[in-house]
């Protein structure tokens, strides 16, 4: 029987990533298309802020 090390326990309890870096770039591109063709209210609101936050992650 193998014993778990402290590092194994930490990795086991650590949440796994849901999105890859490439996913953030794709989501950002889709959001840019929405902002370009969507309604005017979206450009000033949360969607615009999310677009810029995703830009920092995708670069």
Protein backbone atom coordinates (compact mmCIF):
# COMPACT_ATOMS: atom_id res chain seq x y z
CA UNK A 1 0.00 0.00 0.00
CA UNK A 2 1.34 3.45 -0.86
CA UNK A 3 1.06 6.31 1.53
CA UNK A 4 -0.06 9.73 0.38
CA UNK A 5 2.43 12.54 0.75
CA UNK A 6 1.42 16.02 1.82
CA UNK A 7 1.79 17.16 -1.81
CA UNK A 8 -0.56 14.41 -3.02
CA UNK A 9 -3.17 15.48 -0.49
CA UNK A 10 -2.86 19.13 -1.51
CA UNK A 11 -3.20 18.25 -5.21
CA UNK A 12 -6.18 16.02 -4.48
CA UNK A 13 -8.02 18.85 -2.69
CA UNK A 14 -7.10 21.49 -5.26
CA UNK A 15 -9.87 22.44 -7.70
CA UNK A 16 -9.18 21.56 -11.30
CA UNK A 17 -9.24 24.21 -14.02
CA UNK A 18 -12.41 24.30 -16.08
CA UNK A 19 -11.12 26.44 -18.95
CA UNK A 20 -7.76 26.43 -20.71
CA UNK A 21 -5.96 29.58 -21.81
CA UNK A 22 -7.13 28.94 -25.38
CA UNK A 23 -10.72 28.77 -24.12
CA UNK A 24 -10.42 32.26 -22.66
CA UNK A 25 -9.29 33.61 -26.03
CA UNK A 26 -12.24 31.93 -27.78
CA UNK A 27 -14.74 33.22 -25.21
CA UNK A 28 -13.26 36.71 -25.53
CA UNK A 29 -13.63 36.58 -29.33
CA UNK A 30 -17.26 35.47 -29.01
CA UNK A 31 -17.93 38.24 -26.51
CA UNK A 32 -16.33 40.79 -28.86
CA UNK A 33 -18.70 39.68 -31.61
CA UNK A 34 -21.65 40.02 -29.23
CA UNK A 35 -20.57 43.50 -28.18
CA UNK A 36 -20.11 44.55 -31.80
CA UNK A 37 -23.50 43.25 -32.97
CA UNK A 38 -25.51 43.27 -29.74
CA UNK A 39 -27.61 45.98 -28.17
CA UNK A 40 -26.12 49.26 -27.00
CA UNK A 41 -26.69 48.56 -23.29
CA UNK A 42 -24.31 45.63 -23.34
CA UNK A 43 -21.43 47.79 -24.50
CA UNK A 44 -21.52 49.92 -21.37
CA UNK A 45 -22.19 47.18 -18.85
CA UNK A 46 -20.89 43.99 -17.45
CA UNK A 47 -20.22 42.38 -20.83
CA UNK A 48 -17.67 45.06 -21.68
CA UNK A 49 -15.92 44.66 -18.34
CA UNK A 50 -15.83 40.89 -18.77
CA UNK A 51 -14.33 41.32 -22.24
CA UNK A 52 -11.44 43.33 -20.82
CA UNK A 53 -10.88 40.94 -17.89
CA UNK A 54 -10.73 38.02 -20.30
CA UNK A 55 -8.20 39.93 -22.37
CA UNK A 56 -5.80 39.96 -19.46
CA UNK A 57 -6.19 36.20 -19.04
CA UNK A 58 -5.91 35.30 -22.73
CA UNK A 59 -2.69 37.24 -23.37
